[in-house]
N, C-alpha and C. Protein backbone atom coordinates (compact mmCIF):
# COMPACT_ATOMS: atom_id res chain seq x y z
N MET A 1 11.02 -20.32 17.24
CA MET A 1 11.94 -20.64 18.32
C MET A 1 11.92 -22.14 18.57
N ASP A 2 12.95 -22.65 19.18
CA ASP A 2 13.02 -24.05 19.54
C ASP A 2 12.44 -24.22 20.95
N GLY A 3 11.58 -25.20 21.13
CA GLY A 3 10.98 -25.38 22.45
C GLY A 3 10.20 -26.66 22.54
N ALA A 4 9.55 -26.85 23.67
CA ALA A 4 8.80 -28.08 23.92
C ALA A 4 7.63 -28.24 22.97
N HIS A 5 7.15 -27.12 22.38
CA HIS A 5 6.00 -27.19 21.49
C HIS A 5 6.31 -27.86 20.16
N ASP A 6 7.58 -27.84 19.76
CA ASP A 6 7.97 -28.32 18.42
C ASP A 6 8.29 -29.80 18.50
N LEU A 7 7.26 -30.64 18.44
CA LEU A 7 7.41 -32.08 18.69
C LEU A 7 7.51 -32.91 17.43
N GLY A 8 7.43 -32.29 16.27
CA GLY A 8 7.50 -33.05 15.03
C GLY A 8 8.77 -33.88 14.94
N GLY A 9 8.62 -35.15 14.60
CA GLY A 9 9.78 -36.02 14.44
C GLY A 9 10.37 -36.54 15.73
N ARG A 10 9.82 -36.15 16.88
CA ARG A 10 10.36 -36.62 18.16
C ARG A 10 9.69 -37.92 18.58
N GLN A 11 10.41 -38.72 19.34
CA GLN A 11 9.89 -39.99 19.83
C GLN A 11 9.85 -39.98 21.36
N GLY A 12 9.13 -40.97 21.91
CA GLY A 12 9.12 -41.14 23.35
C GLY A 12 7.96 -40.49 24.08
N PHE A 13 6.99 -39.95 23.33
CA PHE A 13 5.85 -39.30 23.96
C PHE A 13 4.60 -40.18 23.94
N GLY A 14 4.75 -41.43 23.57
CA GLY A 14 3.61 -42.33 23.59
C GLY A 14 2.73 -42.18 22.35
N PRO A 15 1.69 -42.99 22.26
CA PRO A 15 0.81 -42.95 21.08
C PRO A 15 -0.07 -41.71 21.07
N VAL A 16 -0.51 -41.33 19.88
CA VAL A 16 -1.48 -40.25 19.74
C VAL A 16 -2.86 -40.84 20.04
N VAL A 17 -3.53 -40.29 21.03
CA VAL A 17 -4.84 -40.79 21.43
C VAL A 17 -5.91 -40.07 20.62
N VAL A 18 -6.68 -40.83 19.87
CA VAL A 18 -7.75 -40.27 19.04
C VAL A 18 -9.09 -40.69 19.62
N GLU A 19 -9.92 -39.71 19.99
CA GLU A 19 -11.24 -40.01 20.50
C GLU A 19 -12.18 -40.30 19.32
N PRO A 20 -12.84 -41.44 19.29
CA PRO A 20 -13.68 -41.78 18.13
C PRO A 20 -14.84 -40.81 17.92
N TYR A 21 -15.37 -40.23 18.98
CA TYR A 21 -16.45 -39.25 18.87
C TYR A 21 -16.05 -38.00 19.64
N GLU A 22 -14.93 -37.42 19.21
CA GLU A 22 -14.36 -36.30 19.95
C GLU A 22 -15.30 -35.09 19.95
N ARG A 23 -15.49 -34.50 21.12
CA ARG A 23 -16.30 -33.30 21.25
C ARG A 23 -15.45 -32.07 20.96
N HIS A 24 -16.11 -30.99 20.55
CA HIS A 24 -15.38 -29.74 20.32
C HIS A 24 -14.79 -29.22 21.63
N TYR A 25 -15.54 -29.34 22.71
CA TYR A 25 -15.09 -28.83 23.99
C TYR A 25 -15.34 -29.89 25.07
N HIS A 26 -14.45 -29.89 26.07
CA HIS A 26 -14.56 -30.86 27.16
C HIS A 26 -14.95 -30.21 28.49
N ALA A 27 -15.02 -28.88 28.50
CA ALA A 27 -15.43 -28.16 29.71
C ALA A 27 -16.14 -26.88 29.28
N ARG A 28 -17.00 -26.36 30.15
CA ARG A 28 -17.83 -25.21 29.78
C ARG A 28 -17.02 -23.94 29.57
N TRP A 29 -15.82 -23.86 30.22
CA TRP A 29 -15.02 -22.65 30.09
C TRP A 29 -14.24 -22.58 28.77
N GLU A 30 -14.09 -23.71 28.10
CA GLU A 30 -13.23 -23.74 26.92
C GLU A 30 -13.72 -22.84 25.78
N PRO A 31 -15.03 -22.80 25.46
CA PRO A 31 -15.45 -21.91 24.37
C PRO A 31 -15.11 -20.45 24.61
N ALA A 32 -15.02 -20.03 25.87
CA ALA A 32 -14.71 -18.63 26.17
C ALA A 32 -13.33 -18.24 25.68
N THR A 33 -12.41 -19.20 25.58
CA THR A 33 -11.07 -18.87 25.11
C THR A 33 -11.10 -18.42 23.66
N ARG A 34 -12.00 -18.97 22.88
CA ARG A 34 -12.11 -18.56 21.47
C ARG A 34 -12.64 -17.12 21.40
N LEU A 35 -13.54 -16.77 22.29
CA LEU A 35 -14.04 -15.40 22.34
C LEU A 35 -12.90 -14.42 22.63
N LEU A 36 -12.02 -14.80 23.55
CA LEU A 36 -10.88 -13.94 23.89
C LEU A 36 -10.05 -13.63 22.66
N PHE A 37 -9.78 -14.66 21.84
CA PHE A 37 -8.87 -14.49 20.72
C PHE A 37 -9.54 -13.96 19.46
N ARG A 38 -10.84 -14.10 19.37
CA ARG A 38 -11.53 -13.63 18.17
C ARG A 38 -12.15 -12.25 18.35
N VAL A 39 -12.42 -11.86 19.59
CA VAL A 39 -13.14 -10.60 19.83
C VAL A 39 -12.34 -9.64 20.70
N VAL A 40 -11.84 -10.09 21.84
CA VAL A 40 -11.26 -9.18 22.83
C VAL A 40 -9.82 -8.80 22.47
N LEU A 41 -8.93 -9.78 22.38
CA LEU A 41 -7.51 -9.47 22.18
C LEU A 41 -7.21 -8.76 20.86
N PRO A 42 -7.87 -9.09 19.73
CA PRO A 42 -7.54 -8.38 18.48
C PRO A 42 -7.69 -6.87 18.57
N ARG A 43 -8.51 -6.40 19.48
CA ARG A 43 -8.68 -4.95 19.64
C ARG A 43 -7.45 -4.29 20.26
N HIS A 44 -6.62 -5.09 20.89
CA HIS A 44 -5.48 -4.55 21.63
C HIS A 44 -4.13 -4.98 21.05
N LEU A 45 -4.13 -5.89 20.07
CA LEU A 45 -2.89 -6.38 19.50
C LEU A 45 -2.77 -5.93 18.06
N PRO A 46 -1.59 -5.47 17.63
CA PRO A 46 -1.39 -5.08 16.24
C PRO A 46 -1.69 -6.25 15.31
N ASN A 47 -2.43 -6.01 14.23
CA ASN A 47 -2.73 -7.01 13.20
C ASN A 47 -3.62 -8.16 13.68
N GLY A 48 -4.09 -8.13 14.92
CA GLY A 48 -4.77 -9.32 15.43
C GLY A 48 -3.76 -10.38 15.84
N ARG A 49 -2.72 -10.55 15.04
CA ARG A 49 -1.51 -11.30 15.35
C ARG A 49 -1.74 -12.73 15.85
N ASP A 50 -2.21 -13.59 14.95
CA ASP A 50 -2.27 -15.01 15.27
C ASP A 50 -0.87 -15.53 15.63
N GLY A 51 0.14 -14.95 14.98
CA GLY A 51 1.50 -15.35 15.30
C GLY A 51 1.87 -15.06 16.74
N ALA A 52 1.35 -13.95 17.29
CA ALA A 52 1.63 -13.60 18.68
C ALA A 52 1.01 -14.62 19.62
N LEU A 53 -0.20 -15.10 19.28
CA LEU A 53 -0.84 -16.14 20.08
C LEU A 53 0.02 -17.39 20.11
N ARG A 54 0.45 -17.83 18.96
CA ARG A 54 1.26 -19.05 18.89
C ARG A 54 2.57 -18.87 19.66
N HIS A 55 3.16 -17.69 19.53
CA HIS A 55 4.44 -17.46 20.21
C HIS A 55 4.26 -17.42 21.72
N ALA A 56 3.13 -16.89 22.19
CA ALA A 56 2.86 -16.88 23.63
C ALA A 56 2.72 -18.31 24.15
N ILE A 57 2.14 -19.19 23.36
CA ILE A 57 2.05 -20.60 23.76
C ILE A 57 3.43 -21.24 23.75
N GLU A 58 4.23 -20.94 22.73
CA GLU A 58 5.58 -21.50 22.64
C GLU A 58 6.45 -21.09 23.82
N ARG A 59 6.17 -19.91 24.39
CA ARG A 59 6.99 -19.40 25.48
C ARG A 59 6.62 -19.97 26.84
N MET A 60 5.64 -20.84 26.89
CA MET A 60 5.28 -21.47 28.16
C MET A 60 6.45 -22.31 28.68
N GLU A 61 6.59 -22.36 29.99
CA GLU A 61 7.60 -23.23 30.60
C GLU A 61 7.33 -24.66 30.14
N ALA A 62 8.40 -25.41 29.83
CA ALA A 62 8.27 -26.68 29.13
C ALA A 62 7.37 -27.68 29.84
N VAL A 63 7.57 -27.87 31.14
CA VAL A 63 6.76 -28.86 31.86
C VAL A 63 5.30 -28.45 31.88
N ARG A 64 5.06 -27.16 32.08
CA ARG A 64 3.66 -26.69 32.08
C ARG A 64 3.03 -26.89 30.70
N TYR A 65 3.78 -26.60 29.65
CA TYR A 65 3.26 -26.81 28.30
C TYR A 65 2.87 -28.27 28.08
N LEU A 66 3.77 -29.17 28.42
CA LEU A 66 3.55 -30.59 28.13
C LEU A 66 2.45 -31.21 28.99
N THR A 67 2.14 -30.60 30.12
CA THR A 67 1.12 -31.15 31.01
C THR A 67 -0.20 -30.39 30.92
N SER A 68 -0.29 -29.41 30.01
CA SER A 68 -1.51 -28.62 29.86
C SER A 68 -2.34 -29.15 28.69
N SER A 69 -3.64 -28.97 28.79
CA SER A 69 -4.51 -29.32 27.67
C SER A 69 -4.45 -28.22 26.61
N TYR A 70 -5.06 -28.49 25.47
CA TYR A 70 -5.07 -27.55 24.35
C TYR A 70 -5.58 -26.17 24.80
N TYR A 71 -6.75 -26.14 25.43
CA TYR A 71 -7.33 -24.86 25.80
C TYR A 71 -6.68 -24.26 27.04
N GLU A 72 -6.04 -25.06 27.86
CA GLU A 72 -5.26 -24.50 28.97
C GLU A 72 -4.09 -23.69 28.42
N ARG A 73 -3.52 -24.14 27.32
CA ARG A 73 -2.44 -23.39 26.68
C ARG A 73 -2.99 -22.08 26.12
N TRP A 74 -4.17 -22.12 25.54
CA TRP A 74 -4.79 -20.90 25.02
C TRP A 74 -5.02 -19.89 26.14
N VAL A 75 -5.51 -20.35 27.28
CA VAL A 75 -5.78 -19.45 28.39
C VAL A 75 -4.49 -18.83 28.91
N THR A 76 -3.44 -19.63 29.02
CA THR A 76 -2.15 -19.09 29.45
C THR A 76 -1.66 -18.03 28.48
N ALA A 77 -1.79 -18.31 27.17
CA ALA A 77 -1.37 -17.34 26.16
C ALA A 77 -2.21 -16.07 26.24
N ALA A 78 -3.52 -16.22 26.43
CA ALA A 78 -4.39 -15.05 26.52
C ALA A 78 -4.02 -14.17 27.71
N ALA A 79 -3.78 -14.80 28.86
CA ALA A 79 -3.40 -14.03 30.05
C ALA A 79 -2.06 -13.33 29.84
N THR A 80 -1.12 -14.03 29.22
CA THR A 80 0.20 -13.46 28.95
C THR A 80 0.09 -12.25 28.03
N LEU A 81 -0.65 -12.39 26.93
CA LEU A 81 -0.78 -11.30 25.97
C LEU A 81 -1.54 -10.12 26.58
N ALA A 82 -2.53 -10.39 27.43
CA ALA A 82 -3.29 -9.32 28.06
C ALA A 82 -2.39 -8.48 28.97
N VAL A 83 -1.53 -9.16 29.73
CA VAL A 83 -0.60 -8.44 30.61
C VAL A 83 0.43 -7.68 29.78
N GLU A 84 0.97 -8.32 28.74
CA GLU A 84 1.99 -7.67 27.92
C GLU A 84 1.42 -6.48 27.15
N ALA A 85 0.13 -6.53 26.79
CA ALA A 85 -0.49 -5.43 26.05
C ALA A 85 -0.98 -4.31 26.97
N GLY A 86 -0.84 -4.51 28.29
CA GLY A 86 -1.26 -3.49 29.23
C GLY A 86 -2.74 -3.46 29.50
N MET A 87 -3.46 -4.52 29.13
CA MET A 87 -4.89 -4.59 29.41
C MET A 87 -5.14 -4.76 30.90
N MET A 88 -4.18 -5.37 31.60
CA MET A 88 -4.26 -5.53 33.04
C MET A 88 -2.86 -5.75 33.57
N THR A 89 -2.67 -5.58 34.87
CA THR A 89 -1.38 -5.89 35.47
C THR A 89 -1.39 -7.35 35.93
N ARG A 90 -0.22 -7.87 36.21
CA ARG A 90 -0.16 -9.24 36.72
C ARG A 90 -0.84 -9.31 38.09
N ALA A 91 -0.70 -8.26 38.90
CA ALA A 91 -1.36 -8.25 40.21
C ALA A 91 -2.87 -8.30 40.06
N GLU A 92 -3.41 -7.55 39.09
CA GLU A 92 -4.85 -7.56 38.85
C GLU A 92 -5.32 -8.94 38.37
N LEU A 93 -4.52 -9.56 37.50
CA LEU A 93 -4.84 -10.90 37.01
C LEU A 93 -4.90 -11.89 38.16
N GLU A 94 -3.89 -11.87 39.02
CA GLU A 94 -3.83 -12.84 40.10
C GLU A 94 -4.88 -12.56 41.17
N ASP A 95 -5.28 -11.31 41.29
CA ASP A 95 -6.37 -10.99 42.21
C ASP A 95 -7.68 -11.61 41.71
N ARG A 96 -7.92 -11.50 40.39
CA ARG A 96 -9.14 -12.09 39.82
C ARG A 96 -9.06 -13.60 39.80
N ALA A 97 -7.85 -14.15 39.62
CA ALA A 97 -7.68 -15.60 39.56
C ALA A 97 -7.70 -16.24 40.95
N GLY A 98 -7.55 -15.43 41.98
CA GLY A 98 -7.56 -15.95 43.34
C GLY A 98 -6.23 -16.52 43.80
N GLY A 99 -5.15 -16.14 43.15
CA GLY A 99 -3.83 -16.63 43.54
C GLY A 99 -2.84 -16.52 42.41
N PRO A 100 -1.61 -17.02 42.60
CA PRO A 100 -0.58 -16.94 41.56
C PRO A 100 -1.03 -17.55 40.25
N TYR A 101 -0.71 -16.88 39.15
CA TYR A 101 -1.09 -17.37 37.82
C TYR A 101 0.15 -17.41 36.95
N PRO A 102 0.57 -18.60 36.49
CA PRO A 102 1.79 -18.71 35.69
C PRO A 102 1.59 -18.14 34.29
N LEU A 103 2.46 -17.24 33.92
CA LEU A 103 2.45 -16.68 32.57
C LEU A 103 3.61 -17.26 31.76
N SER A 104 3.57 -17.04 30.46
CA SER A 104 4.66 -17.48 29.60
C SER A 104 5.91 -16.63 29.85
N GLU A 105 7.05 -17.17 29.43
CA GLU A 105 8.31 -16.44 29.59
C GLU A 105 8.31 -15.20 28.68
N PRO A 106 9.14 -14.20 28.99
CA PRO A 106 9.16 -12.97 28.19
C PRO A 106 9.65 -13.22 26.76
N VAL A 107 9.26 -12.34 25.86
CA VAL A 107 9.76 -12.37 24.48
C VAL A 107 11.23 -12.00 24.48
N THR A 108 12.05 -12.76 23.75
CA THR A 108 13.48 -12.44 23.66
C THR A 108 13.88 -11.95 22.27
N ALA A 109 13.02 -12.14 21.28
CA ALA A 109 13.34 -11.69 19.93
C ALA A 109 13.06 -10.20 19.79
N PRO A 110 13.85 -9.49 18.99
CA PRO A 110 13.61 -8.06 18.81
C PRO A 110 12.36 -7.78 17.99
N THR A 111 11.79 -6.59 18.18
CA THR A 111 10.67 -6.16 17.36
C THR A 111 11.15 -5.89 15.94
N ILE A 112 10.38 -6.32 14.97
CA ILE A 112 10.73 -6.11 13.56
C ILE A 112 10.06 -4.82 13.10
N THR A 113 10.87 -3.84 12.73
CA THR A 113 10.32 -2.53 12.37
C THR A 113 10.30 -2.28 10.87
N ASP A 114 11.15 -2.96 10.11
CA ASP A 114 11.23 -2.71 8.67
C ASP A 114 11.38 -4.04 7.94
N PRO A 115 10.34 -4.87 7.94
CA PRO A 115 10.45 -6.20 7.33
C PRO A 115 10.56 -6.14 5.82
N LEU A 116 11.28 -7.10 5.26
CA LEU A 116 11.45 -7.19 3.81
C LEU A 116 10.65 -8.38 3.28
N ALA A 117 9.92 -8.16 2.21
CA ALA A 117 9.12 -9.22 1.61
C ALA A 117 9.97 -10.02 0.62
N ALA A 118 9.78 -11.32 0.60
CA ALA A 118 10.48 -12.18 -0.35
C ALA A 118 9.64 -12.35 -1.61
N THR A 119 10.31 -12.54 -2.72
CA THR A 119 9.62 -12.84 -3.98
C THR A 119 9.70 -14.34 -4.23
N ALA A 120 8.85 -14.83 -5.11
CA ALA A 120 8.83 -16.27 -5.41
C ALA A 120 10.12 -16.65 -6.14
N ARG A 121 10.90 -17.51 -5.50
CA ARG A 121 12.19 -17.90 -6.09
C ARG A 121 12.20 -19.33 -6.61
N PHE A 122 11.16 -20.10 -6.31
CA PHE A 122 11.21 -21.52 -6.63
C PHE A 122 9.97 -21.94 -7.41
N ALA A 123 10.11 -23.05 -8.12
CA ALA A 123 9.02 -23.61 -8.91
C ALA A 123 8.93 -25.10 -8.64
N VAL A 124 7.84 -25.72 -9.08
CA VAL A 124 7.67 -27.16 -8.89
C VAL A 124 8.84 -27.91 -9.52
N GLY A 125 9.41 -28.84 -8.78
CA GLY A 125 10.55 -29.62 -9.24
C GLY A 125 11.89 -29.12 -8.74
N ASP A 126 11.95 -27.88 -8.24
CA ASP A 126 13.23 -27.35 -7.74
C ASP A 126 13.65 -28.07 -6.46
N ARG A 127 14.96 -28.33 -6.37
CA ARG A 127 15.52 -28.86 -5.13
C ARG A 127 15.88 -27.69 -4.22
N VAL A 128 15.46 -27.78 -2.97
CA VAL A 128 15.68 -26.69 -2.02
C VAL A 128 16.24 -27.25 -0.72
N ARG A 129 16.97 -26.40 -0.01
CA ARG A 129 17.46 -26.76 1.31
C ARG A 129 16.81 -25.81 2.33
N VAL A 130 16.34 -26.37 3.43
CA VAL A 130 15.77 -25.55 4.49
C VAL A 130 16.91 -24.91 5.28
N ARG A 131 16.79 -23.63 5.54
CA ARG A 131 17.84 -22.93 6.28
C ARG A 131 18.08 -23.60 7.64
N ALA A 132 19.34 -23.75 7.98
CA ALA A 132 19.72 -24.35 9.28
C ALA A 132 19.95 -23.23 10.28
N TRP A 133 18.86 -22.75 10.88
CA TRP A 133 18.98 -21.65 11.83
C TRP A 133 18.03 -21.89 13.00
N HIS A 134 18.29 -21.18 14.07
CA HIS A 134 17.52 -21.37 15.30
C HIS A 134 17.07 -20.00 15.81
N PRO A 135 15.95 -19.49 15.29
CA PRO A 135 15.51 -18.14 15.65
C PRO A 135 15.04 -18.05 17.10
N ARG A 136 15.25 -16.89 17.70
CA ARG A 136 14.79 -16.66 19.07
C ARG A 136 13.29 -16.39 19.10
N GLY A 137 12.74 -15.94 17.98
CA GLY A 137 11.33 -15.60 17.94
C GLY A 137 10.49 -16.70 17.31
N HIS A 138 9.28 -16.32 16.94
CA HIS A 138 8.32 -17.27 16.39
C HIS A 138 8.68 -17.66 14.97
N THR A 139 8.51 -18.94 14.65
CA THR A 139 8.63 -19.42 13.28
C THR A 139 7.73 -20.63 13.12
N ARG A 140 7.28 -20.83 11.88
CA ARG A 140 6.48 -22.02 11.59
C ARG A 140 7.32 -23.06 10.86
N CYS A 141 8.63 -22.90 10.89
CA CYS A 141 9.53 -23.87 10.26
C CYS A 141 9.93 -24.92 11.29
N PRO A 142 9.49 -26.19 11.13
CA PRO A 142 9.81 -27.22 12.12
C PRO A 142 11.31 -27.46 12.23
N TRP A 143 11.76 -27.77 13.42
CA TRP A 143 13.19 -27.98 13.66
C TRP A 143 13.74 -29.17 12.87
N TYR A 144 12.92 -30.23 12.70
CA TYR A 144 13.46 -31.49 12.19
C TYR A 144 13.76 -31.46 10.68
N ILE A 145 13.31 -30.41 9.99
CA ILE A 145 13.63 -30.33 8.56
C ILE A 145 14.75 -29.33 8.27
N ARG A 146 15.18 -28.59 9.28
CA ARG A 146 16.19 -27.55 9.05
C ARG A 146 17.51 -28.17 8.62
N GLY A 147 18.08 -27.61 7.55
CA GLY A 147 19.33 -28.11 7.01
C GLY A 147 19.17 -29.25 6.03
N HIS A 148 17.94 -29.72 5.84
CA HIS A 148 17.71 -30.87 4.95
C HIS A 148 17.22 -30.43 3.58
N ILE A 149 17.41 -31.33 2.61
CA ILE A 149 17.09 -31.05 1.21
C ILE A 149 15.79 -31.76 0.83
N GLY A 150 14.95 -31.03 0.10
CA GLY A 150 13.71 -31.59 -0.41
C GLY A 150 13.42 -31.04 -1.80
N ALA A 151 12.25 -31.36 -2.33
CA ALA A 151 11.86 -30.89 -3.66
C ALA A 151 10.48 -30.23 -3.58
N VAL A 152 10.33 -29.12 -4.29
CA VAL A 152 9.05 -28.42 -4.33
C VAL A 152 8.07 -29.24 -5.15
N THR A 153 6.93 -29.57 -4.57
CA THR A 153 5.90 -30.33 -5.29
C THR A 153 4.67 -29.50 -5.61
N ARG A 154 4.55 -28.31 -4.99
CA ARG A 154 3.37 -27.49 -5.24
C ARG A 154 3.67 -26.05 -4.81
N CYS A 155 3.17 -25.08 -5.57
CA CYS A 155 3.23 -23.68 -5.18
C CYS A 155 1.84 -23.29 -4.69
N ASP A 156 1.75 -22.78 -3.47
CA ASP A 156 0.46 -22.62 -2.81
C ASP A 156 -0.02 -21.18 -2.66
N GLY A 157 0.64 -20.24 -3.28
CA GLY A 157 0.21 -18.85 -3.16
C GLY A 157 0.94 -18.13 -2.04
N ALA A 158 0.60 -16.86 -1.85
CA ALA A 158 1.30 -16.02 -0.88
C ALA A 158 0.43 -15.77 0.34
N PHE A 159 1.06 -15.84 1.52
CA PHE A 159 0.35 -15.67 2.79
C PHE A 159 1.23 -14.89 3.77
N SER A 160 0.60 -14.34 4.80
CA SER A 160 1.32 -13.58 5.81
C SER A 160 2.37 -14.44 6.49
N LEU A 161 3.58 -13.91 6.60
CA LEU A 161 4.69 -14.64 7.21
C LEU A 161 4.57 -14.56 8.73
N PRO A 162 4.35 -15.69 9.42
CA PRO A 162 4.15 -15.66 10.87
C PRO A 162 5.34 -15.10 11.64
N ASP A 163 6.55 -15.31 11.12
CA ASP A 163 7.76 -14.85 11.79
C ASP A 163 7.76 -13.33 11.97
N VAL A 164 7.17 -12.62 11.02
CA VAL A 164 7.03 -11.16 11.12
C VAL A 164 5.78 -10.81 11.92
N GLU A 165 4.71 -11.51 11.63
CA GLU A 165 3.42 -11.23 12.26
C GLU A 165 3.49 -11.22 13.79
N ALA A 166 4.30 -12.11 14.34
CA ALA A 166 4.39 -12.23 15.80
C ALA A 166 5.21 -11.14 16.45
N HIS A 167 6.02 -10.43 15.66
CA HIS A 167 6.98 -9.49 16.25
C HIS A 167 6.95 -8.10 15.61
N SER A 168 5.83 -7.77 14.97
CA SER A 168 5.80 -6.51 14.25
C SER A 168 4.37 -6.00 14.13
N GLU A 169 4.24 -4.70 13.94
CA GLU A 169 2.93 -4.14 13.61
C GLU A 169 2.63 -4.29 12.13
N HIS A 170 3.62 -4.75 11.37
CA HIS A 170 3.47 -4.89 9.93
C HIS A 170 3.16 -6.35 9.58
N ARG A 171 2.76 -6.53 8.33
CA ARG A 171 2.61 -7.87 7.78
C ARG A 171 3.44 -7.96 6.50
N VAL A 172 4.01 -9.12 6.28
CA VAL A 172 4.73 -9.40 5.05
C VAL A 172 4.10 -10.63 4.41
N VAL A 173 3.71 -10.50 3.16
CA VAL A 173 3.10 -11.62 2.45
C VAL A 173 4.17 -12.28 1.59
N GLU A 174 4.34 -13.59 1.80
CA GLU A 174 5.38 -14.34 1.09
C GLU A 174 4.80 -15.54 0.37
N PRO A 175 5.45 -15.97 -0.74
CA PRO A 175 5.04 -17.21 -1.41
C PRO A 175 5.26 -18.42 -0.50
N THR A 176 4.42 -19.40 -0.64
CA THR A 176 4.55 -20.65 0.12
C THR A 176 4.59 -21.83 -0.83
N TYR A 177 5.19 -22.92 -0.35
CA TYR A 177 5.37 -24.12 -1.17
C TYR A 177 5.12 -25.37 -0.33
N SER A 178 4.73 -26.42 -1.00
CA SER A 178 4.74 -27.74 -0.37
C SER A 178 6.03 -28.43 -0.81
N VAL A 179 6.84 -28.82 0.18
CA VAL A 179 8.16 -29.39 -0.10
C VAL A 179 8.18 -30.84 0.40
N ARG A 180 8.62 -31.74 -0.47
CA ARG A 180 8.66 -33.16 -0.13
C ARG A 180 10.08 -33.57 0.29
N PHE A 181 10.15 -34.26 1.42
CA PHE A 181 11.42 -34.76 1.94
C PHE A 181 11.35 -36.29 2.05
N GLY A 182 12.47 -36.93 1.78
CA GLY A 182 12.56 -38.35 2.02
C GLY A 182 12.80 -38.63 3.49
N ALA A 183 12.14 -39.67 4.03
CA ALA A 183 12.35 -40.02 5.43
C ALA A 183 13.81 -40.37 5.70
N GLU A 184 14.45 -40.98 4.73
CA GLU A 184 15.87 -41.32 4.90
C GLU A 184 16.71 -40.06 5.03
N GLU A 185 16.36 -39.01 4.29
CA GLU A 185 17.06 -37.73 4.38
C GLU A 185 16.87 -37.10 5.76
N LEU A 186 15.68 -37.20 6.30
CA LEU A 186 15.38 -36.54 7.58
C LEU A 186 15.91 -37.30 8.78
N TRP A 187 15.75 -38.65 8.76
CA TRP A 187 16.03 -39.41 9.97
C TRP A 187 17.08 -40.51 9.79
N ASN A 188 17.48 -40.76 8.54
CA ASN A 188 18.51 -41.77 8.28
C ASN A 188 18.17 -43.10 8.95
N ASP A 189 16.89 -43.50 8.79
CA ASP A 189 16.42 -44.69 9.50
C ASP A 189 16.01 -45.84 8.58
N GLY A 190 16.44 -45.77 7.33
CA GLY A 190 16.21 -46.89 6.44
C GLY A 190 14.82 -46.97 5.83
N GLN A 191 14.02 -45.91 5.95
CA GLN A 191 12.68 -45.95 5.39
C GLN A 191 12.71 -45.53 3.91
N ALA A 192 13.19 -46.41 3.08
CA ALA A 192 13.30 -46.12 1.65
C ALA A 192 11.91 -45.95 1.04
N GLY A 193 11.74 -44.90 0.24
CA GLY A 193 10.48 -44.67 -0.44
C GLY A 193 9.43 -43.95 0.38
N VAL A 194 9.70 -43.68 1.65
CA VAL A 194 8.74 -42.97 2.51
C VAL A 194 9.05 -41.47 2.43
N THR A 195 8.02 -40.66 2.23
CA THR A 195 8.23 -39.22 2.11
C THR A 195 7.32 -38.44 3.05
N VAL A 196 7.71 -37.19 3.31
CA VAL A 196 6.95 -36.27 4.15
C VAL A 196 6.85 -34.94 3.42
N ASN A 197 5.65 -34.38 3.31
CA ASN A 197 5.48 -33.06 2.72
C ASN A 197 5.25 -32.03 3.81
N VAL A 198 5.93 -30.89 3.70
CA VAL A 198 5.82 -29.81 4.68
C VAL A 198 5.56 -28.51 3.93
N ASP A 199 4.59 -27.72 4.41
CA ASP A 199 4.29 -26.42 3.80
C ASP A 199 5.21 -25.37 4.40
N LEU A 200 5.91 -24.62 3.52
CA LEU A 200 6.96 -23.71 3.97
C LEU A 200 6.91 -22.38 3.24
N TRP A 201 7.26 -21.31 3.98
CA TRP A 201 7.39 -19.99 3.38
C TRP A 201 8.73 -19.86 2.63
N ASP A 202 8.77 -18.96 1.65
CA ASP A 202 9.94 -18.80 0.79
C ASP A 202 11.20 -18.50 1.58
N SER A 203 11.12 -17.64 2.59
CA SER A 203 12.32 -17.22 3.31
C SER A 203 12.91 -18.33 4.18
N TYR A 204 12.22 -19.45 4.34
CA TYR A 204 12.78 -20.59 5.07
C TYR A 204 13.74 -21.40 4.19
N LEU A 205 13.76 -21.12 2.89
CA LEU A 205 14.42 -21.98 1.91
C LEU A 205 15.59 -21.28 1.23
N GLU A 206 16.48 -22.11 0.69
CA GLU A 206 17.57 -21.65 -0.16
C GLU A 206 17.80 -22.70 -1.24
N PRO A 207 18.38 -22.32 -2.37
CA PRO A 207 18.62 -23.31 -3.42
C PRO A 207 19.55 -24.42 -2.92
N ALA A 208 19.25 -25.65 -3.29
CA ALA A 208 20.08 -26.78 -2.87
C ALA A 208 21.26 -26.94 -3.81
């Protein structure tokens, strides 16, 4: 889906701040979020569904997403998925939280009941175009490459397609590729010779 989370290629958000001796966690509650997603929620979600976690984060209200820390987004997603899976009601959540608790927006994409697997259609050197579409559900295809042409530089094997994983009890394994794009093709900004490689699933692509 298109949303505030998809920041690739966007400008105006300031520099990326890199901590020279970055800690794994900045607060004592943060490690508990990993426990939620590795132990508790997989028991209640089909497939464990890493895609569902990402989609719950994507569905956060834009301002809240942009002003939340990494693990604050995880906690919001965990609370959202717990309520949606029937592990607790929103009233029970807010009673334990001591007040109103903002959840992510509802899912708008339909459940996928009969997914189709793609076969490997491309090889190294093939020119491909990224599909120009705007799905309502989860996708790992960045917005800024959609509709643009690149070349396959590597075939990386087959992996579970997140677009299905987030919206289905099934899994579909698809071939993946590393695709190289010219910066001039993506942004038309005069950066001759500058390239960007993006890892993409087969169903995101079509022959150029």
